[in-house]
């Protein structure tokens, strides 16, 4: 549970020093407008970061899919090389 100082520390600056004696913030129109603008800015920043992270995530998914495909190709080539070596060793054993 948050104590009063922690709650005050998390409040927008416009309402920190603007309090009733009971500790509740005053709801002045100026403070509310300022708080609203601050929240809008924070929301815009959050949306921007979300979009950037979504794009980065998509890029990483693409890179991962390409890496998995390359890994499968390497696995297939190693299996083919192993089969050829086994065939050569078997041929050498018969000679």
PDB file of N, CA and C in Angstrom:
ATOM      1  N   UNK A   1       0.839  -1.180   0.000  1.00  0.00           N
ATOM      2  CA  UNK A   1       0.000   0.000   0.000  1.00  0.00           C
ATOM      3  C   UNK A   1       0.881   1.240   0.000  1.00  0.00           C
ATOM      4  N   UNK A   2       0.539   2.224  -0.808  1.00  0.00           N
ATOM      5  CA  UNK A   2       1.320   3.441  -0.899  1.00  0.00           C
ATOM      6  C   UNK A   2       1.024   4.362   0.274  1.00  0.00           C
ATOM      7  N   UNK A   3       2.064   4.982   0.792  1.00  0.00           N
ATOM      8  CA  UNK A   3       1.883   5.976   1.843  1.00  0.00           C
ATOM      9  C   UNK A   3       1.674   7.322   1.188  1.00  0.00           C
ATOM     10  N   UNK A   4       1.281   8.289   1.935  1.00  0.00           N
ATOM     11  CA  UNK A   4       1.019   9.630   1.392  1.00  0.00           C
ATOM     12  C   UNK A   4       2.209  10.200   0.616  1.00  0.00           C
ATOM     13  N   UNK A   5       3.462  10.140   1.136  1.00  0.00           N
ATOM     14  CA  UNK A   5       4.567  10.713   0.368  1.00  0.00           C
ATOM     15  C   UNK A   5       4.773  10.006  -0.969  1.00  0.00           C
ATOM     16  N   UNK A   6       4.603   8.674  -1.015  1.00  0.00           N
ATOM     17  CA  UNK A   6       4.766   7.950  -2.270  1.00  0.00           C
ATOM     18  C   UNK A   6       3.673   8.333  -3.260  1.00  0.00           C
ATOM     19  N   UNK A   7       2.464   8.509  -2.766  1.00  0.00           N
ATOM     20  CA  UNK A   7       1.369   8.928  -3.638  1.00  0.00           C
ATOM     21  C   UNK A   7       1.673  10.311  -4.187  1.00  0.00           C
ATOM     22  N   UNK A   8       2.124  11.217  -3.318  1.00  0.00           N
ATOM     23  CA  UNK A   8       2.443  12.570  -3.760  1.00  0.00           C
ATOM     24  C   UNK A   8       3.574  12.554  -4.775  1.00  0.00           C
ATOM     25  N   UNK A   9       4.542  11.679  -4.604  1.00  0.00           N
ATOM     26  CA  UNK A   9       5.672  11.613  -5.535  1.00  0.00           C
ATOM     27  C   UNK A   9       5.227  11.136  -6.906  1.00  0.00           C
ATOM     28  N   UNK A  10       4.150  10.349  -6.982  1.00  0.00           N
ATOM     29  CA  UNK A  10       3.666   9.827  -8.256  1.00  0.00           C
ATOM     30  C   UNK A  10       2.651  10.736  -8.931  1.00  0.00           C
ATOM     31  N   UNK A  11       2.280  11.829  -8.284  1.00  0.00           N
ATOM     32  CA  UNK A  11       1.283  12.736  -8.842  1.00  0.00           C
ATOM     33  C   UNK A  11       1.942  13.704  -9.809  1.00  0.00           C
ATOM     34  N   UNK A  12       1.223  14.167 -10.815  1.00  0.00           N
ATOM     35  CA  UNK A  12       1.769  15.194 -11.698  1.00  0.00           C
ATOM     36  C   UNK A  12       2.145  16.434 -10.900  1.00  0.00           C
ATOM     37  N   UNK A  13       3.167  17.146 -11.378  1.00  0.00           N
ATOM     38  CA  UNK A  13       3.690  18.300 -10.653  1.00  0.00           C
ATOM     39  C   UNK A  13       2.640  19.357 -10.378  1.00  0.00           C
ATOM     40  N   UNK A  14       1.692  19.519 -11.250  1.00  0.00           N
ATOM     41  CA  UNK A  14       0.702  20.585 -11.091  1.00  0.00           C
ATOM     42  C   UNK A  14      -0.159  20.417  -9.844  1.00  0.00           C
ATOM     43  N   UNK A  15      -0.250  19.192  -9.311  1.00  0.00           N
ATOM     44  CA  UNK A  15      -1.120  18.973  -8.157  1.00  0.00           C
ATOM     45  C   UNK A  15      -0.361  18.647  -6.884  1.00  0.00           C
ATOM     46  N   UNK A  16       0.976  18.551  -6.921  1.00  0.00           N
ATOM     47  CA  UNK A  16       1.732  18.138  -5.739  1.00  0.00           C
ATOM     48  C   UNK A  16       1.562  19.088  -4.560  1.00  0.00           C
ATOM     49  N   UNK A  17       1.788  20.376  -4.752  1.00  0.00           N
ATOM     50  CA  UNK A  17       1.711  21.311  -3.641  1.00  0.00           C
ATOM     51  C   UNK A  17       0.327  21.887  -3.439  1.00  0.00           C
ATOM     52  N   UNK A  18      -0.611  21.494  -4.255  1.00  0.00           N
ATOM     53  CA  UNK A  18      -1.951  22.069  -4.282  1.00  0.00           C
ATOM     54  C   UNK A  18      -2.914  21.108  -3.597  1.00  0.00           C
ATOM     55  N   UNK A  19      -2.920  21.102  -2.229  1.00  0.00           N
ATOM     56  CA  UNK A  19      -3.666  20.070  -1.500  1.00  0.00           C
ATOM     57  C   UNK A  19      -4.602  20.664  -0.453  1.00  0.00           C
ATOM     58  N   UNK A  20      -5.673  19.937  -0.182  1.00  0.00           N
ATOM     59  CA  UNK A  20      -6.565  20.223   0.943  1.00  0.00           C
ATOM     60  C   UNK A  20      -5.847  19.798   2.225  1.00  0.00           C
ATOM     61  N   UNK A  21      -6.317  20.260   3.366  1.00  0.00           N
ATOM     62  CA  UNK A  21      -5.716  19.797   4.625  1.00  0.00           C
ATOM     63  C   UNK A  21      -5.812  18.291   4.824  1.00  0.00           C
ATOM     64  N   UNK A  22      -6.809  17.643   4.215  1.00  0.00           N
ATOM     65  CA  UNK A  22      -6.934  16.185   4.375  1.00  0.00           C
ATOM     66  C   UNK A  22      -5.978  15.413   3.466  1.00  0.00           C
ATOM     67  N   UNK A  23      -5.196  16.109   2.658  1.00  0.00           N
ATOM     68  CA  UNK A  23      -4.201  15.457   1.795  1.00  0.00           C
ATOM     69  C   UNK A  23      -4.664  15.237   0.379  1.00  0.00           C
ATOM     70  N   UNK A  24      -5.928  15.468   0.057  1.00  0.00           N
ATOM     71  CA  UNK A  24      -6.431  15.273  -1.304  1.00  0.00           C
ATOM     72  C   UNK A  24      -6.047  16.482  -2.159  1.00  0.00           C
ATOM     73  N   UNK A  25      -5.732  16.276  -3.421  1.00  0.00           N
ATOM     74  CA  UNK A  25      -5.351  17.405  -4.269  1.00  0.00           C
ATOM     75  C   UNK A  25      -6.550  18.287  -4.598  1.00  0.00           C
ATOM     76  N   UNK A  26      -6.308  19.581  -4.755  1.00  0.00           N
ATOM     77  CA  UNK A  26      -7.347  20.489  -5.238  1.00  0.00           C
ATOM     78  C   UNK A  26      -7.622  20.150  -6.697  1.00  0.00           C
ATOM     79  N   UNK A  27      -8.802  20.360  -7.124  1.00  0.00           N
ATOM     80  CA  UNK A  27      -9.172  20.068  -8.504  1.00  0.00           C
ATOM     81  C   UNK A  27      -9.392  21.372  -9.251  1.00  0.00           C
ATOM     82  N   UNK A  28      -8.357  22.193  -9.334  1.00  0.00           N
ATOM     83  CA  UNK A  28      -8.509  23.456 -10.057  1.00  0.00           C
ATOM     84  C   UNK A  28      -8.499  23.174 -11.547  1.00  0.00           C
ATOM     85  N   UNK A  29      -9.224  23.982 -12.326  1.00  0.00           N
ATOM     86  CA  UNK A  29      -9.252  23.759 -13.779  1.00  0.00           C
ATOM     87  C   UNK A  29      -7.864  23.825 -14.403  1.00  0.00           C
ATOM     88  N   UNK A  30      -7.020  24.745 -13.932  1.00  0.00           N
ATOM     89  CA  UNK A  30      -5.668  24.856 -14.480  1.00  0.00           C
ATOM     90  C   UNK A  30      -4.868  23.583 -14.228  1.00  0.00           C
ATOM     91  N   UNK A  31      -4.944  23.097 -12.982  1.00  0.00           N
ATOM     92  CA  UNK A  31      -4.209  21.886 -12.630  1.00  0.00           C
ATOM     93  C   UNK A  31      -4.725  20.689 -13.423  1.00  0.00           C
ATOM     94  N   UNK A  32      -6.028  20.618 -13.581  1.00  0.00           N
ATOM     95  CA  UNK A  32      -6.605  19.502 -14.335  1.00  0.00           C
ATOM     96  C   UNK A  32      -6.188  19.568 -15.802  1.00  0.00           C
ATOM     97  N   UNK A  33      -6.163  20.767 -16.383  1.00  0.00           N
ATOM     98  CA  UNK A  33      -5.720  20.930 -17.777  1.00  0.00           C
ATOM     99  C   UNK A  33      -4.262  20.513 -17.919  1.00  0.00           C
ATOM    100  N   UNK A  34      -3.445  20.959 -16.974  1.00  0.00           N
ATOM    101  CA  UNK A  34      -2.026  20.612 -17.004  1.00  0.00           C
ATOM    102  C   UNK A  34      -1.845  19.107 -16.870  1.00  0.00           C
ATOM    103  N   UNK A  35      -2.567  18.510 -15.931  1.00  0.00           N
ATOM    104  CA  UNK A  35      -2.497  17.058 -15.751  1.00  0.00           C
ATOM    105  C   UNK A  35      -2.948  16.329 -17.012  1.00  0.00           C
ATOM    106  N   UNK A  36      -4.001  16.827 -17.623  1.00  0.00           N
ATOM    107  CA  UNK A  36      -4.504  16.208 -18.838  1.00  0.00           C
ATOM    108  C   UNK A  36      -3.472  16.287 -19.958  1.00  0.00           C
ATOM    109  N   UNK A  37      -2.825  17.449 -20.107  1.00  0.00           N
ATOM    110  CA  UNK A  37      -1.781  17.595 -21.131  1.00  0.00           C
ATOM    111  C   UNK A  37      -0.608  16.652 -20.866  1.00  0.00           C
ATOM    112  N   UNK A  38      -0.225  16.560 -19.594  1.00  0.00           N
ATOM    113  CA  UNK A  38       0.869  15.646 -19.250  1.00  0.00           C
ATOM    114  C   UNK A  38       0.498  14.200 -19.562  1.00  0.00           C
ATOM    115  N   UNK A  39      -0.716  13.822 -19.231  1.00  0.00           N
ATOM    116  CA  UNK A  39      -1.163  12.457 -19.524  1.00  0.00           C
ATOM    117  C   UNK A  39      -1.239  12.206 -21.019  1.00  0.00           C
ATOM    118  N   UNK A  40      -1.688  13.189 -21.781  1.00  0.00           N
ATOM    119  CA  UNK A  40      -1.729  13.047 -23.235  1.00  0.00           C
ATOM    120  C   UNK A  40      -0.330  12.869 -23.802  1.00  0.00           C
ATOM    121  N   UNK A  41       0.638  13.622 -23.288  1.00  0.00           N
ATOM    122  CA  UNK A  41       2.020  13.480 -23.747  1.00  0.00           C
ATOM    123  C   UNK A  41       2.565  12.098 -23.405  1.00  0.00           C
ATOM    124  N   UNK A  42       2.284  11.648 -22.183  1.00  0.00           N
ATOM    125  CA  UNK A  42       2.745  10.320 -21.785  1.00  0.00           C
ATOM    126  C   UNK A  42       2.098   9.230 -22.632  1.00  0.00           C
ATOM    127  N   UNK A  43       0.819   9.394 -22.934  1.00  0.00           N
ATOM    128  CA  UNK A  43       0.128   8.422 -23.772  1.00  0.00           C
ATOM    129  C   UNK A  43       0.715   8.409 -25.186  1.00  0.00           C
ATOM    130  N   UNK A  44       0.981   9.590 -25.726  1.00  0.00           N
ATOM    131  CA  UNK A  44       1.584   9.666 -27.066  1.00  0.00           C
ATOM    132  C   UNK A  44       2.954   8.985 -27.077  1.00  0.00           C
ATOM    133  N   UNK A  45       3.729   9.208 -26.025  1.00  0.00           N
ATOM    134  CA  UNK A  45       5.041   8.565 -25.923  1.00  0.00           C
ATOM    135  C   UNK A  45       4.887   7.056 -25.818  1.00  0.00           C
ATOM    136  N   UNK A  46       3.936   6.609 -25.016  1.00  0.00           N
ATOM    137  CA  UNK A  46       3.688   5.182 -24.862  1.00  0.00           C
ATOM    138  C   UNK A  46       3.282   4.548 -26.197  1.00  0.00           C
ATOM    139  N   UNK A  47       2.409   5.215 -26.924  1.00  0.00           N
ATOM    140  CA  UNK A  47       1.981   4.704 -28.235  1.00  0.00           C
ATOM    141  C   UNK A  47       3.163   4.638 -29.188  1.00  0.00           C
ATOM    142  N   UNK A  48       3.996   5.666 -29.174  1.00  0.00           N
ATOM    143  CA  UNK A  48       5.185   5.687 -30.038  1.00  0.00           C
ATOM    144  C   UNK A  48       6.130   4.533 -29.701  1.00  0.00           C
ATOM    145  N   UNK A  49       6.366   4.321 -28.414  1.00  0.00           N
ATOM    146  CA  UNK A  49       7.239   3.218 -28.004  1.00  0.00           C
ATOM    147  C   UNK A  49       6.620   1.870 -28.358  1.00  0.00           C
ATOM    148  N   UNK A  50       5.319   1.744 -28.201  1.00  0.00           N
ATOM    149  CA  UNK A  50       4.638   0.495 -28.536  1.00  0.00           C
ATOM    150  C   UNK A  50       4.784   0.176 -30.015  1.00  0.00           C
ATOM    151  N   UNK A  51       4.604   1.199 -30.850  1.00  0.00           N
ATOM    152  CA  UNK A  51       4.755   0.988 -32.297  1.00  0.00           C
ATOM    153  C   UNK A  51       6.180   0.609 -32.655  1.00  0.00           C
ATOM    154  N   UNK A  52       7.159   1.277 -32.031  1.00  0.00           N
ATOM    155  CA  UNK A  52       8.561   0.959 -32.299  1.00  0.00           C
ATOM    156  C   UNK A  52       8.883  -0.472 -31.865  1.00  0.00           C
ATOM    157  N   UNK A  53       8.386  -0.862 -30.699  1.00  0.00           N
ATOM    158  CA  UNK A  53       8.632  -2.220 -30.217  1.00  0.00           C
ATOM    159  C   UNK A  53       7.938  -3.253 -31.100  1.00  0.00           C
ATOM    160  N   UNK A  54       6.749  -2.923 -31.577  1.00  0.00           N
ATOM    161  CA  UNK A  54       6.034  -3.840 -32.464  1.00  0.00           C
ATOM    162  C   UNK A  54       6.825  -4.048 -33.761  1.00  0.00           C
ATOM    163  N   UNK A  55       7.375  -2.959 -34.314  1.00  0.00           N
ATOM    164  CA  UNK A  55       8.179  -3.059 -35.538  1.00  0.00           C
ATOM    165  C   UNK A  55       9.457  -3.861 -35.285  1.00  0.00           C
ATOM    166  N   UNK A  56      10.112  -3.605 -34.154  1.00  0.00           N
ATOM    167  CA  UNK A  56      11.325  -4.347 -33.820  1.00  0.00           C
ATOM    168  C   UNK A  56      11.008  -5.826 -33.630  1.00  0.00           C
ATOM    169  N   UNK A  57       9.885  -6.124 -32.998  1.00  0.00           N
ATOM    170  CA  UNK A  57       9.470  -7.501 -32.782  1.00  0.00           C
ATOM    171  C   UNK A  57       9.230  -8.214 -34.116  1.00  0.00           C
ATOM    172  N   UNK A  58       8.578  -7.514 -35.032  1.00  0.00           N
ATOM    173  CA  UNK A  58       8.323  -8.101 -36.354  1.00  0.00           C
ATOM    174  C   UNK A  58       9.643  -8.388 -37.081  1.00  0.00           C
ATOM    175  N   UNK A  59      10.578  -7.456 -36.981  1.00  0.00           N
ATOM    176  CA  UNK A  59      11.888  -7.648 -37.595  1.00  0.00           C
ATOM    177  C   UNK A  59      12.616  -8.837 -36.978  1.00  0.00           C
ATOM    178  N   UNK A  60      12.552  -8.952 -35.668  1.00  0.00           N
ATOM    179  CA  UNK A  60      13.189 -10.073 -34.990  1.00  0.00           C
ATOM    180  C   UNK A  60      12.538 -11.402 -35.365  1.00  0.00           C
ATOM    181  N   UNK A  61      11.221 -11.398 -35.523  1.00  0.00           N
ATOM    182  CA  UNK A  61      10.539 -12.633 -35.955  1.00  0.00           C
ATOM    183  C   UNK A  61      11.018 -13.051 -37.350  1.00  0.00           C
ATOM    184  N   UNK A  62      11.161 -12.060 -38.226  1.00  0.00           N
ATOM    185  CA  UNK A  62      11.645 -12.338 -39.584  1.00  0.00           C
ATOM    186  C   UNK A  62      13.067 -12.898 -39.521  1.00  0.00           C
ATOM    187  N   UNK A  63      13.935 -12.259 -38.731  1.00  0.00           N
ATOM    188  CA  UNK A  63      15.316 -12.725 -38.596  1.00  0.00           C
ATOM    189  C   UNK A  63      15.371 -14.131 -38.014  1.00  0.00           C
ATOM    190  N   UNK A  64      14.530 -14.406 -37.029  1.00  0.00           N
ATOM    191  CA  UNK A  64      14.497 -15.732 -36.419  1.00  0.00           C
ATOM    192  C   UNK A  64      14.056 -16.780 -37.433  1.00  0.00           C
ATOM    193  N   UNK A  65      13.041 -16.473 -38.211  1.00  0.00           N
ATOM    194  CA  UNK A  65      12.571 -17.422 -39.232  1.00  0.00           C
ATOM    195  C   UNK A  65      13.683 -17.718 -40.243  1.00  0.00           C
ATOM    196  N   UNK A  66      14.414 -16.681 -40.645  1.00  0.00           N
ATOM    197  CA  UNK A  66      15.521 -16.881 -41.589  1.00  0.00           C
ATOM    198  C   UNK A  66      16.622 -17.733 -40.952  1.00  0.00           C
ATOM    199  N   UNK A  67      16.936 -17.482 -39.679  1.00  0.00           N
ATOM    200  CA  UNK A  67      17.969 -18.252 -38.986  1.00  0.00           C
ATOM    201  C   UNK A  67      17.553 -19.709 -38.828  1.00  0.00           C
ATOM    202  N   UNK A  68      16.292 -19.943 -38.525  1.00  0.00           N
ATOM    203  CA  UNK A  68      15.795 -21.321 -38.394  1.00  0.00           C
ATOM    204  C   UNK A  68      15.902 -22.034 -39.739  1.00  0.00           C
ATOM    205  N   UNK A  69      15.557 -21.335 -40.817  1.00  0.00           N
ATOM    206  CA  UNK A  69      15.658 -21.939 -42.149  1.00  0.00           C
ATOM    207  C   UNK A  69      17.117 -22.266 -42.489  1.00  0.00           C
ATOM    208  N   UNK A  70      18.032 -21.345 -42.160  1.00  0.00           N
ATOM    209  CA  UNK A  70      19.458 -21.615 -42.400  1.00  0.00           C
ATOM    210  C   UNK A  70      19.927 -22.797 -41.564  1.00  0.00           C
ATOM    211  N   UNK A  71      19.449 -22.885 -40.331  1.00  0.00           N
ATOM    212  CA  UNK A  71      19.819 -24.011 -39.465  1.00  0.00           C
ATOM    213  C   UNK A  71      19.350 -25.335 -40.035  1.00  0.00           C
ATOM    214  N   UNK A  72      18.143 -25.349 -40.569  1.00  0.00           N
ATOM    215  CA  UNK A  72      17.630 -26.588 -41.194  1.00  0.00           C
ATOM    216  C   UNK A  72      18.470 -26.967 -42.410  1.00  0.00           C
ATOM    217  N   UNK A  73      18.871 -25.956 -43.185  1.00  0.00           N
ATOM    218  CA  UNK A  73      19.703 -26.210 -44.364  1.00  0.00           C
ATOM    219  C   UNK A  73      21.050 -26.804 -43.942  1.00  0.00           C
ATOM    220  N   UNK A  74      21.644 -26.221 -42.910  1.00  0.00           N
ATOM    221  CA  UNK A  74      22.929 -26.728 -42.415  1.00  0.00           C
ATOM    222  C   UNK A  74      22.763 -28.151 -41.898  1.00  0.00           C
ATOM    223  N   UNK A  75      21.700 -28.416 -41.161  1.00  0.00           N
ATOM    224  CA  UNK A  75      21.446 -29.776 -40.657  1.00  0.00           C
ATOM    225  C   UNK A  75      21.336 -30.775 -41.806  1.00  0.00           C
ATOM    226  N   UNK A  76      20.640 -30.393 -42.872  1.00  0.00           N
ATOM    227  CA  UNK A  76      20.484 -31.285 -44.029  1.00  0.00           C
ATOM    228  C   UNK A  76      21.826 -31.542 -44.697  1.00  0.00           C
ATOM    229  N   UNK A  77      22.641 -30.477 -44.842  1.00  0.00           N
ATOM    230  CA  UNK A  77      23.957 -30.659 -45.477  1.00  0.00           C
ATOM    231  C   UNK A  77      24.878 -31.522 -44.623  1.00  0.00           C
ATOM    232  N   UNK A  78      24.819 -31.364 -43.303  1.00  0.00           N
ATOM    233  CA  UNK A  78      25.639 -32.190 -42.409  1.00  0.00           C
ATOM    234  C   UNK A  78      25.195 -33.652 -42.515  1.00  0.00           C
ATOM    235  N   UNK A  79      23.893 -33.878 -42.577  1.00  0.00           N
ATOM    236  CA  UNK A  79      23.395 -35.250 -42.720  1.00  0.00           C
ATOM    237  C   UNK A  79      23.858 -35.855 -44.040  1.00  0.00           C
ATOM    238  N   UNK A  80      23.816 -35.080 -45.114  1.00  0.00           N
ATOM    239  CA  UNK A  80      24.289 -35.582 -46.416  1.00  0.00           C
ATOM    240  C   UNK A  80      25.783 -35.884 -46.376  1.00  0.00           C
ATOM    241  N   UNK A  81      26.563 -34.998 -45.756  1.00  0.00           N
ATOM    242  CA  UNK A  81      28.007 -35.223 -45.653  1.00  0.00           C
ATOM    243  C   UNK A  81      28.279 -36.482 -44.824  1.00  0.00           C
ATOM    244  N   UNK A  82      27.540 -36.679 -43.751  1.00  0.00           N
ATOM    245  CA  UNK A  82      27.706 -37.883 -42.924  1.00  0.00           C
ATOM    246  C   UNK A  82      27.387 -39.139 -43.707  1.00  0.00           C
ATOM    247  N   UNK A  83      26.337 -39.072 -44.505  1.00  0.00           N
ATOM    248  CA  UNK A  83      25.968 -40.241 -45.327  1.00  0.00           C
ATOM    249  C   UNK A  83      27.062 -40.543 -46.344  1.00  0.00           C
ATOM    250  N   UNK A  84      27.620 -39.496 -46.948  1.00  0.00           N
ATOM    251  CA  UNK A  84      28.710 -39.723 -47.924  1.00  0.00           C
ATOM    252  C   UNK A  84      29.935 -40.311 -47.236  1.00  0.00           C
ATOM    253  N   UNK A  85      30.270 -39.806 -46.029  1.00  0.00           N
ATOM    254  CA  UNK A  85      31.412 -40.355 -45.291  1.00  0.00           C
ATOM    255  C   UNK A  85      31.174 -41.817 -44.933  1.00  0.00           C
ATOM    256  N   UNK A  86      29.979 -42.144 -44.494  1.00  0.00           N
ATOM    257  CA  UNK A  86      29.653 -43.534 -44.162  1.00  0.00           C
ATOM    258  C   UNK A  86      29.799 -44.413 -45.386  1.00  0.00           C
ATOM    259  N   UNK A  87      29.348 -43.916 -46.546  1.00  0.00           N
ATOM    260  CA  UNK A  87      29.471 -44.686 -47.773  1.00  0.00           C
ATOM    261  C   UNK A  87      30.940 -44.887 -48.157  1.00  0.00           C
ATOM    262  N   UNK A  88      31.749 -43.837 -48.004  1.00  0.00           N
ATOM    263  CA  UNK A  88      33.182 -43.966 -48.309  1.00  0.00           C
ATOM    264  C   UNK A  88      33.864 -44.946 -47.366  1.00  0.00           C
ATOM    265  N   UNK A  89      33.539 -44.864 -46.062  1.00  0.00           N
ATOM    266  CA  UNK A  89      34.142 -45.790 -45.094  1.00  0.00           C
ATOM    267  C   UNK A  89      33.715 -47.234 -45.388  1.00  0.00           C
ATOM    268  N   UNK A  90      32.486 -47.422 -45.771  1.00  0.00           N
ATOM    269  CA  UNK A  90      32.018 -48.767 -46.114  1.00  0.00           C
ATOM    270  C   UNK A  90      32.739 -49.275 -47.358  1.00  0.00           C
ATOM    271  N   UNK A  91      32.954 -48.399 -48.308  1.00  0.00           N
ATOM    272  CA  UNK A  91      33.647 -48.782 -49.537  1.00  0.00           C
ATOM    273  C   UNK A  91      35.103 -49.123 -49.248  1.00  0.00           C
ATOM    274  N   UNK A  92      35.732 -48.357 -48.349  1.00  0.00           N
ATOM    275  CA  UNK A  92      37.124 -48.612 -47.989  1.00  0.00           C
ATOM    276  C   UNK A  92      37.251 -49.939 -47.252  1.00  0.00           C
ATOM    277  N   UNK A  93      36.273 -50.279 -46.460  1.00  0.00           N
ATOM    278  CA  UNK A  93      36.304 -51.534 -45.718  1.00  0.00           C
ATOM    279  C   UNK A  93      36.202 -52.742 -46.633  1.00  0.00           C
ATOM    280  N   UNK A  94      35.582 -52.581 -47.782  1.00  0.00           N
ATOM    281  CA  UNK A  94      35.429 -53.698 -48.745  1.00  0.00           C
ATOM    282  C   UNK A  94      36.686 -53.871 -49.583  1.00  0.00           C
ATOM    283  N   UNK A  95      37.507 -52.863 -49.671  1.00  0.00           N
ATOM    284  CA  UNK A  95      38.693 -52.967 -50.539  1.00  0.00           C
ATOM    285  C   UNK A  95      39.855 -53.579 -49.873  1.00  0.00           C
TER     286      UNK A  95
END
